[in-house]
PDB file of N, CA and C in Angstrom:
ATOM      1  N   MET A   1     -11.080  11.369 -18.224  1.00  0.00           N
ATOM      2  CA  MET A   1     -10.214  10.222 -18.030  1.00  0.00           C
ATOM      3  C   MET A   1     -10.581   9.539 -16.713  1.00  0.00           C
ATOM      4  N   GLU A   2     -10.768   8.243 -16.768  1.00  0.00           N
ATOM      5  CA  GLU A   2     -11.119   7.467 -15.589  1.00  0.00           C
ATOM      6  C   GLU A   2      -9.858   7.061 -14.839  1.00  0.00           C
ATOM      7  N   THR A   3      -9.895   7.221 -13.529  1.00  0.00           N
ATOM      8  CA  THR A   3      -8.760   6.839 -12.694  1.00  0.00           C
ATOM      9  C   THR A   3      -9.231   5.824 -11.667  1.00  0.00           C
ATOM     10  N   HIS A   4      -8.511   4.734 -11.550  1.00  0.00           N
ATOM     11  CA  HIS A   4      -8.812   3.734 -10.535  1.00  0.00           C
ATOM     12  C   HIS A   4      -7.955   4.016  -9.315  1.00  0.00           C
ATOM     13  N   ILE A   5      -8.553   3.841  -8.151  1.00  0.00           N
ATOM     14  CA  ILE A   5      -7.860   4.073  -6.885  1.00  0.00           C
ATOM     15  C   ILE A   5      -7.778   2.748  -6.138  1.00  0.00           C
ATOM     16  N   LEU A   6      -6.593   2.445  -5.635  1.00  0.00           N
ATOM     17  CA  LEU A   6      -6.404   1.255  -4.810  1.00  0.00           C
ATOM     18  C   LEU A   6      -6.470   1.678  -3.352  1.00  0.00           C
ATOM     19  N   SER A   7      -7.236   0.965  -2.558  1.00  0.00           N
ATOM     20  CA  SER A   7      -7.370   1.243  -1.139  1.00  0.00           C
ATOM     21  C   SER A   7      -6.610   0.163  -0.377  1.00  0.00           C
ATOM     22  N   VAL A   8      -5.653   0.593   0.448  1.00  0.00           N
ATOM     23  CA  VAL A   8      -4.787  -0.349   1.148  1.00  0.00           C
ATOM     24  C   VAL A   8      -4.882  -0.084   2.644  1.00  0.00           C
ATOM     25  N   GLU A   9      -5.240  -1.093   3.413  1.00  0.00           N
ATOM     26  CA  GLU A   9      -5.249  -0.968   4.866  1.00  0.00           C
ATOM     27  C   GLU A   9      -3.909  -1.451   5.409  1.00  0.00           C
ATOM     28  N   VAL A  10      -3.282  -0.621   6.230  1.00  0.00           N
ATOM     29  CA  VAL A  10      -1.953  -0.938   6.767  1.00  0.00           C
ATOM     30  C   VAL A  10      -1.946  -0.738   8.274  1.00  0.00           C
ATOM     31  N   ASP A  11      -0.956  -1.332   8.927  1.00  0.00           N
ATOM     32  CA  ASP A  11      -0.752  -1.068  10.349  1.00  0.00           C
ATOM     33  C   ASP A  11      -0.434   0.409  10.516  1.00  0.00           C
ATOM     34  N   ASP A  12      -0.958   1.018  11.557  1.00  0.00           N
ATOM     35  CA  ASP A  12      -0.710   2.435  11.814  1.00  0.00           C
ATOM     36  C   ASP A  12       0.621   2.579  12.552  1.00  0.00           C
ATOM     37  N   LYS A  13       1.702   2.522  11.765  1.00  0.00           N
ATOM     38  CA  LYS A  13       3.041   2.644  12.342  1.00  0.00           C
ATOM     39  C   LYS A  13       3.980   3.235  11.291  1.00  0.00           C
ATOM     40  N   PRO A  14       5.061   3.837  11.730  1.00  0.00           N
ATOM     41  CA  PRO A  14       6.009   4.442  10.787  1.00  0.00           C
ATOM     42  C   PRO A  14       6.569   3.409   9.800  1.00  0.00           C
ATOM     43  N   GLY A  15       6.736   3.837   8.554  1.00  0.00           N
ATOM     44  CA  GLY A  15       7.374   3.006   7.542  1.00  0.00           C
ATOM     45  C   GLY A  15       6.429   2.251   6.622  1.00  0.00           C
ATOM     46  N   GLU A  16       5.137   2.225   6.911  1.00  0.00           N
ATOM     47  CA  GLU A  16       4.209   1.454   6.086  1.00  0.00           C
ATOM     48  C   GLU A  16       4.067   2.041   4.680  1.00  0.00           C
ATOM     49  N   LEU A  17       3.972   3.352   4.569  1.00  0.00           N
ATOM     50  CA  LEU A  17       3.895   3.972   3.240  1.00  0.00           C
ATOM     51  C   LEU A  17       5.172   3.705   2.456  1.00  0.00           C
ATOM     52  N   MET A  18       6.309   3.786   3.128  1.00  0.00           N
ATOM     53  CA  MET A  18       7.591   3.512   2.470  1.00  0.00           C
ATOM     54  C   MET A  18       7.651   2.065   1.965  1.00  0.00           C
ATOM     55  N   ARG A  19       7.148   1.133   2.767  1.00  0.00           N
ATOM     56  CA  ARG A  19       7.155  -0.292   2.378  1.00  0.00           C
ATOM     57  C   ARG A  19       6.321  -0.510   1.121  1.00  0.00           C
ATOM     58  N   ILE A  20       5.163   0.129   1.058  1.00  0.00           N
ATOM     59  CA  ILE A  20       4.290  -0.005  -0.104  1.00  0.00           C
ATOM     60  C   ILE A  20       4.897   0.675  -1.324  1.00  0.00           C
ATOM     61  N   ALA A  21       5.400   1.895  -1.137  1.00  0.00           N
ATOM     62  CA  ALA A  21       6.002   2.627  -2.254  1.00  0.00           C
ATOM     63  C   ALA A  21       7.222   1.896  -2.802  1.00  0.00           C
ATOM     64  N   ALA A  22       8.014   1.301  -1.925  1.00  0.00           N
ATOM     65  CA  ALA A  22       9.202   0.563  -2.372  1.00  0.00           C
ATOM     66  C   ALA A  22       8.811  -0.663  -3.195  1.00  0.00           C
ATOM     67  N   ALA A  23       7.772  -1.373  -2.772  1.00  0.00           N
ATOM     68  CA  ALA A  23       7.314  -2.551  -3.521  1.00  0.00           C
ATOM     69  C   ALA A  23       6.814  -2.143  -4.901  1.00  0.00           C
ATOM     70  N   LEU A  24       6.059  -1.045  -4.971  1.00  0.00           N
ATOM     71  CA  LEU A  24       5.572  -0.579  -6.270  1.00  0.00           C
ATOM     72  C   LEU A  24       6.722  -0.092  -7.144  1.00  0.00           C
ATOM     73  N   ALA A  25       7.671   0.605  -6.559  1.00  0.00           N
ATOM     74  CA  ALA A  25       8.830   1.088  -7.322  1.00  0.00           C
ATOM     75  C   ALA A  25       9.631  -0.089  -7.882  1.00  0.00           C
ATOM     76  N   GLU A  26       9.806  -1.126  -7.087  1.00  0.00           N
ATOM     77  CA  GLU A  26      10.529  -2.318  -7.549  1.00  0.00           C
ATOM     78  C   GLU A  26       9.817  -2.947  -8.745  1.00  0.00           C
ATOM     79  N   GLY A  27       8.487  -2.854  -8.764  1.00  0.00           N
ATOM     80  CA  GLY A  27       7.703  -3.383  -9.875  1.00  0.00           C
ATOM     81  C   GLY A  27       7.547  -2.404 -11.026  1.00  0.00           C
ATOM     82  N   LYS A  28       8.285  -1.285 -10.957  1.00  0.00           N
ATOM     83  CA  LYS A  28       8.264  -0.253 -12.014  1.00  0.00           C
ATOM     84  C   LYS A  28       6.887   0.393 -12.151  1.00  0.00           C
ATOM     85  N   ILE A  29       6.187   0.542 -11.024  1.00  0.00           N
ATOM     86  CA  ILE A  29       4.879   1.196 -11.001  1.00  0.00           C
ATOM     87  C   ILE A  29       5.063   2.633 -10.544  1.00  0.00           C
ATOM     88  N   ASN A  30       4.540   3.576 -11.304  1.00  0.00           N
ATOM     89  CA  ASN A  30       4.598   4.982 -10.943  1.00  0.00           C
ATOM     90  C   ASN A  30       3.330   5.363 -10.191  1.00  0.00           C
ATOM     91  N   ILE A  31       3.498   5.861  -8.968  1.00  0.00           N
ATOM     92  CA  ILE A  31       2.370   6.359  -8.174  1.00  0.00           C
ATOM     93  C   ILE A  31       2.079   7.777  -8.648  1.00  0.00           C
ATOM     94  N   THR A  32       0.830   8.041  -9.011  1.00  0.00           N
ATOM     95  CA  THR A  32       0.471   9.375  -9.480  1.00  0.00           C
ATOM     96  C   THR A  32      -0.177  10.213  -8.388  1.00  0.00           C
ATOM     97  N   THR A  33      -0.879   9.566  -7.467  1.00  0.00           N
ATOM     98  CA  THR A  33      -1.532  10.267  -6.361  1.00  0.00           C
ATOM     99  C   THR A  33      -1.589   9.342  -5.157  1.00  0.00           C
ATOM    100  N   VAL A  34      -1.425   9.911  -3.978  1.00  0.00           N
ATOM    101  CA  VAL A  34      -1.568   9.119  -2.757  1.00  0.00           C
ATOM    102  C   VAL A  34      -2.209   9.985  -1.672  1.00  0.00           C
ATOM    103  N   TYR A  35      -3.159   9.375  -0.965  1.00  0.00           N
ATOM    104  CA  TYR A  35      -3.821  10.004   0.177  1.00  0.00           C
ATOM    105  C   TYR A  35      -3.777   9.008   1.324  1.00  0.00           C
ATOM    106  N   GLY A  36      -3.797   9.512   2.526  1.00  0.00           N
ATOM    107  CA  GLY A  36      -3.843   8.629   3.676  1.00  0.00           C
ATOM    108  C   GLY A  36      -4.805   9.144   4.722  1.00  0.00           C
ATOM    109  N   THR A  37      -5.335   8.226   5.515  1.00  0.00           N
ATOM    110  CA  THR A  37      -6.247   8.610   6.584  1.00  0.00           C
ATOM    111  C   THR A  37      -6.130   7.615   7.735  1.00  0.00           C
ATOM    112  N   SER A  38      -6.344   8.111   8.929  1.00  0.00           N
ATOM    113  CA  SER A  38      -6.364   7.230  10.091  1.00  0.00           C
ATOM    114  C   SER A  38      -7.283   7.847  11.135  1.00  0.00           C
ATOM    115  N   VAL A  39      -7.626   7.030  12.107  1.00  0.00           N
ATOM    116  CA  VAL A  39      -8.472   7.466  13.203  1.00  0.00           C
ATOM    117  C   VAL A  39      -7.634   7.384  14.474  1.00  0.00           C
ATOM    118  N   ALA A  40      -7.678   8.416  15.282  1.00  0.00           N
ATOM    119  CA  ALA A  40      -6.910   8.424  16.525  1.00  0.00           C
ATOM    120  C   ALA A  40      -7.211   7.175  17.349  1.00  0.00           C
ATOM    121  N   GLY A  41      -6.161   6.511  17.790  1.00  0.00           N
ATOM    122  CA  GLY A  41      -6.315   5.317  18.612  1.00  0.00           C
ATOM    123  C   GLY A  41      -6.520   4.027  17.849  1.00  0.00           C
ATOM    124  N   ALA A  42      -6.665   4.103  16.521  1.00  0.00           N
ATOM    125  CA  ALA A  42      -6.884   2.900  15.713  1.00  0.00           C
ATOM    126  C   ALA A  42      -5.560   2.174  15.482  1.00  0.00           C
ATOM    127  N   ASP A  43      -5.646   0.885  15.233  1.00  0.00           N
ATOM    128  CA  ASP A  43      -4.451   0.083  14.956  1.00  0.00           C
ATOM    129  C   ASP A  43      -4.060   0.116  13.490  1.00  0.00           C
ATOM    130  N   THR A  44      -4.989   0.555  12.621  1.00  0.00           N
ATOM    131  CA  THR A  44      -4.710   0.567  11.186  1.00  0.00           C
ATOM    132  C   THR A  44      -5.006   1.942  10.583  1.00  0.00           C
ATOM    133  N   SER A  45      -4.430   2.154   9.405  1.00  0.00           N
ATOM    134  CA  SER A  45      -4.683   3.349   8.601  1.00  0.00           C
ATOM    135  C   SER A  45      -5.051   2.894   7.204  1.00  0.00           C
ATOM    136  N   ARG A  46      -5.587   3.794   6.407  1.00  0.00           N
ATOM    137  CA  ARG A  46      -5.937   3.485   5.029  1.00  0.00           C
ATOM    138  C   ARG A  46      -5.158   4.407   4.116  1.00  0.00           C
ATOM    139  N   ILE A  47      -4.543   3.821   3.094  1.00  0.00           N
ATOM    140  CA  ILE A  47      -3.816   4.572   2.081  1.00  0.00           C
ATOM    141  C   ILE A  47      -4.530   4.373   0.753  1.00  0.00           C
ATOM    142  N   LEU A  48      -4.833   5.464   0.072  1.00  0.00           N
ATOM    143  CA  LEU A  48      -5.472   5.425  -1.245  1.00  0.00           C
ATOM    144  C   LEU A  48      -4.430   5.798  -2.276  1.00  0.00           C
ATOM    145  N   ILE A  49      -4.256   4.937  -3.278  1.00  0.00           N
ATOM    146  CA  ILE A  49      -3.180   5.100  -4.255  1.00  0.00           C
ATOM    147  C   ILE A  49      -3.739   5.057  -5.672  1.00  0.00           C
ATOM    148  N   ALA A  50      -3.361   6.047  -6.469  1.00  0.00           N
ATOM    149  CA  ALA A  50      -3.600   6.016  -7.912  1.00  0.00           C
ATOM    150  C   ALA A  50      -2.255   5.741  -8.562  1.00  0.00           C
ATOM    151  N   ALA A  51      -2.233   4.813  -9.490  1.00  0.00           N
ATOM    152  CA  ALA A  51      -0.982   4.429 -10.147  1.00  0.00           C
ATOM    153  C   ALA A  51      -1.227   4.273 -11.641  1.00  0.00           C
ATOM    154  N   GLN A  52      -0.138   4.302 -12.417  1.00  0.00           N
ATOM    155  CA  GLN A  52      -0.274   4.221 -13.870  1.00  0.00           C
ATOM    156  C   GLN A  52      -0.750   2.861 -14.347  1.00  0.00           C
ATOM    157  N   ASN A  53      -0.443   1.819 -13.642  1.00  0.00           N
ATOM    158  CA  ASN A  53      -0.860   0.475 -14.031  1.00  0.00           C
ATOM    159  C   ASN A  53      -1.508  -0.182 -12.816  1.00  0.00           C
ATOM    160  N   THR A  54      -2.794   0.084 -12.604  1.00  0.00           N
ATOM    161  CA  THR A  54      -3.448  -0.403 -11.389  1.00  0.00           C
ATOM    162  C   THR A  54      -3.564  -1.927 -11.340  1.00  0.00           C
ATOM    163  N   ASP A  55      -3.698  -2.558 -12.489  1.00  0.00           N
ATOM    164  CA  ASP A  55      -3.792  -4.026 -12.484  1.00  0.00           C
ATOM    165  C   ASP A  55      -2.505  -4.644 -11.949  1.00  0.00           C
ATOM    166  N   LYS A  56      -1.371  -4.182 -12.448  1.00  0.00           N
ATOM    167  CA  LYS A  56      -0.077  -4.694 -11.990  1.00  0.00           C
ATOM    168  C   LYS A  56       0.171  -4.279 -10.537  1.00  0.00           C
ATOM    169  N   ALA A  57      -0.192  -3.051 -10.190  1.00  0.00           N
ATOM    170  CA  ALA A  57      -0.022  -2.573  -8.812  1.00  0.00           C
ATOM    171  C   ALA A  57      -0.820  -3.438  -7.844  1.00  0.00           C
ATOM    172  N   LEU A  58      -2.029  -3.811  -8.221  1.00  0.00           N
ATOM    173  CA  LEU A  58      -2.870  -4.645  -7.371  1.00  0.00           C
ATOM    174  C   LEU A  58      -2.211  -5.997  -7.116  1.00  0.00           C
ATOM    175  N   VAL A  59      -1.648  -6.595  -8.148  1.00  0.00           N
ATOM    176  CA  VAL A  59      -0.959  -7.884  -7.991  1.00  0.00           C
ATOM    177  C   VAL A  59       0.219  -7.735  -7.026  1.00  0.00           C
ATOM    178  N   ILE A  60       0.997  -6.679  -7.192  1.00  0.00           N
ATOM    179  CA  ILE A  60       2.151  -6.437  -6.319  1.00  0.00           C
ATOM    180  C   ILE A  60       1.700  -6.266  -4.870  1.00  0.00           C
ATOM    181  N   LEU A  61       0.653  -5.476  -4.659  1.00  0.00           N
ATOM    182  CA  LEU A  61       0.179  -5.234  -3.298  1.00  0.00           C
ATOM    183  C   LEU A  61      -0.435  -6.484  -2.675  1.00  0.00           C
ATOM    184  N   GLU A  62      -1.112  -7.295  -3.470  1.00  0.00           N
ATOM    185  CA  GLU A  62      -1.646  -8.560  -2.947  1.00  0.00           C
ATOM    186  C   GLU A  62      -0.512  -9.492  -2.544  1.00  0.00           C
ATOM    187  N   ASP A  63       0.542  -9.557  -3.371  1.00  0.00           N
ATOM    188  CA  ASP A  63       1.708 -10.376  -3.023  1.00  0.00           C
ATOM    189  C   ASP A  63       2.387  -9.854  -1.763  1.00  0.00           C
ATOM    190  N   LEU A  64       2.476  -8.535  -1.635  1.00  0.00           N
ATOM    191  CA  LEU A  64       3.076  -7.922  -0.447  1.00  0.00           C
ATOM    192  C   LEU A  64       2.263  -8.285   0.796  1.00  0.00           C
ATOM    193  N   ALA A  65       0.952  -8.240   0.691  1.00  0.00           N
ATOM    194  CA  ALA A  65       0.088  -8.580   1.821  1.00  0.00           C
ATOM    195  C   ALA A  65       0.244 -10.045   2.215  1.00  0.00           C
ATOM    196  N   LYS A  66       0.351 -10.928   1.238  1.00  0.00           N
ATOM    197  CA  LYS A  66       0.543 -12.354   1.533  1.00  0.00           C
ATOM    198  C   LYS A  66       1.864 -12.577   2.246  1.00  0.00           C
ATOM    199  N   GLY A  67       2.902 -11.885   1.792  1.00  0.00           N
ATOM    200  CA  GLY A  67       4.219 -12.003   2.423  1.00  0.00           C
ATOM    201  C   GLY A  67       4.211 -11.469   3.837  1.00  0.00           C
ATOM    202  N   ALA A  68       3.508 -10.365   4.078  1.00  0.00           N
ATOM    203  CA  ALA A  68       3.433  -9.781   5.406  1.00  0.00           C
ATOM    204  C   ALA A  68       2.665 -10.688   6.347  1.00  0.00           C
ATOM    205  N   ALA A  69       1.635 -11.358   5.823  1.00  0.00           N
ATOM    206  CA  ALA A  69       0.827 -12.245   6.650  1.00  0.00           C
ATOM    207  C   ALA A  69       1.594 -13.500   7.050  1.00  0.00           C
ATOM    208  N   SER A  70       2.540 -13.915   6.222  1.00  0.00           N
ATOM    209  CA  SER A  70       3.261 -15.156   6.513  1.00  0.00           C
ATOM    210  C   SER A  70       4.557 -14.923   7.268  1.00  0.00           C
ATOM    211  N   SER A  71       5.006 -13.663   7.365  1.00  0.00           N
ATOM    212  CA  SER A  71       6.257 -13.399   8.062  1.00  0.00           C
ATOM    213  C   SER A  71       5.995 -13.271   9.558  1.00  0.00           C
ATOM    214  N   PRO A  72       6.955 -13.720  10.373  1.00  0.00           N
ATOM    215  CA  PRO A  72       6.751 -13.644  11.818  1.00  0.00           C
ATOM    216  C   PRO A  72       6.781 -12.193  12.289  1.00  0.00           C
ATOM    217  N   PRO A  73       6.074 -11.895  13.377  1.00  0.00           N
ATOM    218  CA  PRO A  73       6.086 -10.526  13.894  1.00  0.00           C
ATOM    219  C   PRO A  73       7.478 -10.147  14.399  1.00  0.00           C
ATOM    220  N   THR A  74       7.801  -8.883  14.302  1.00  0.00           N
ATOM    221  CA  THR A  74       9.102  -8.398  14.802  1.00  0.00           C
ATOM    222  C   THR A  74       8.866  -7.525  16.014  1.00  0.00           C
ATOM    223  N   LYS A  75       9.850  -7.454  16.850  1.00  0.00           N
ATOM    224  CA  LYS A  75       9.745  -6.632  18.065  1.00  0.00           C
ATOM    225  C   LYS A  75      10.536  -5.374  17.915  1.00  0.00           C
TER     226      LYS A  75
END
């Protein structure tokens, strides 16, 4: 069975995995596997996600990224 993995680069800060998982859950996407990696001192981390509907998950994550890019920074 072939599995597609989505690679997501996120800010290296608490809550980023929760933000992504919540967006996928809202879209009724089931995450089947998740891995994460970061480098000490880096500003970003990478999350690798396998989901039941990768095409729909990709659309959701792209929309999430567009929304994050257009929202003002918070302190």
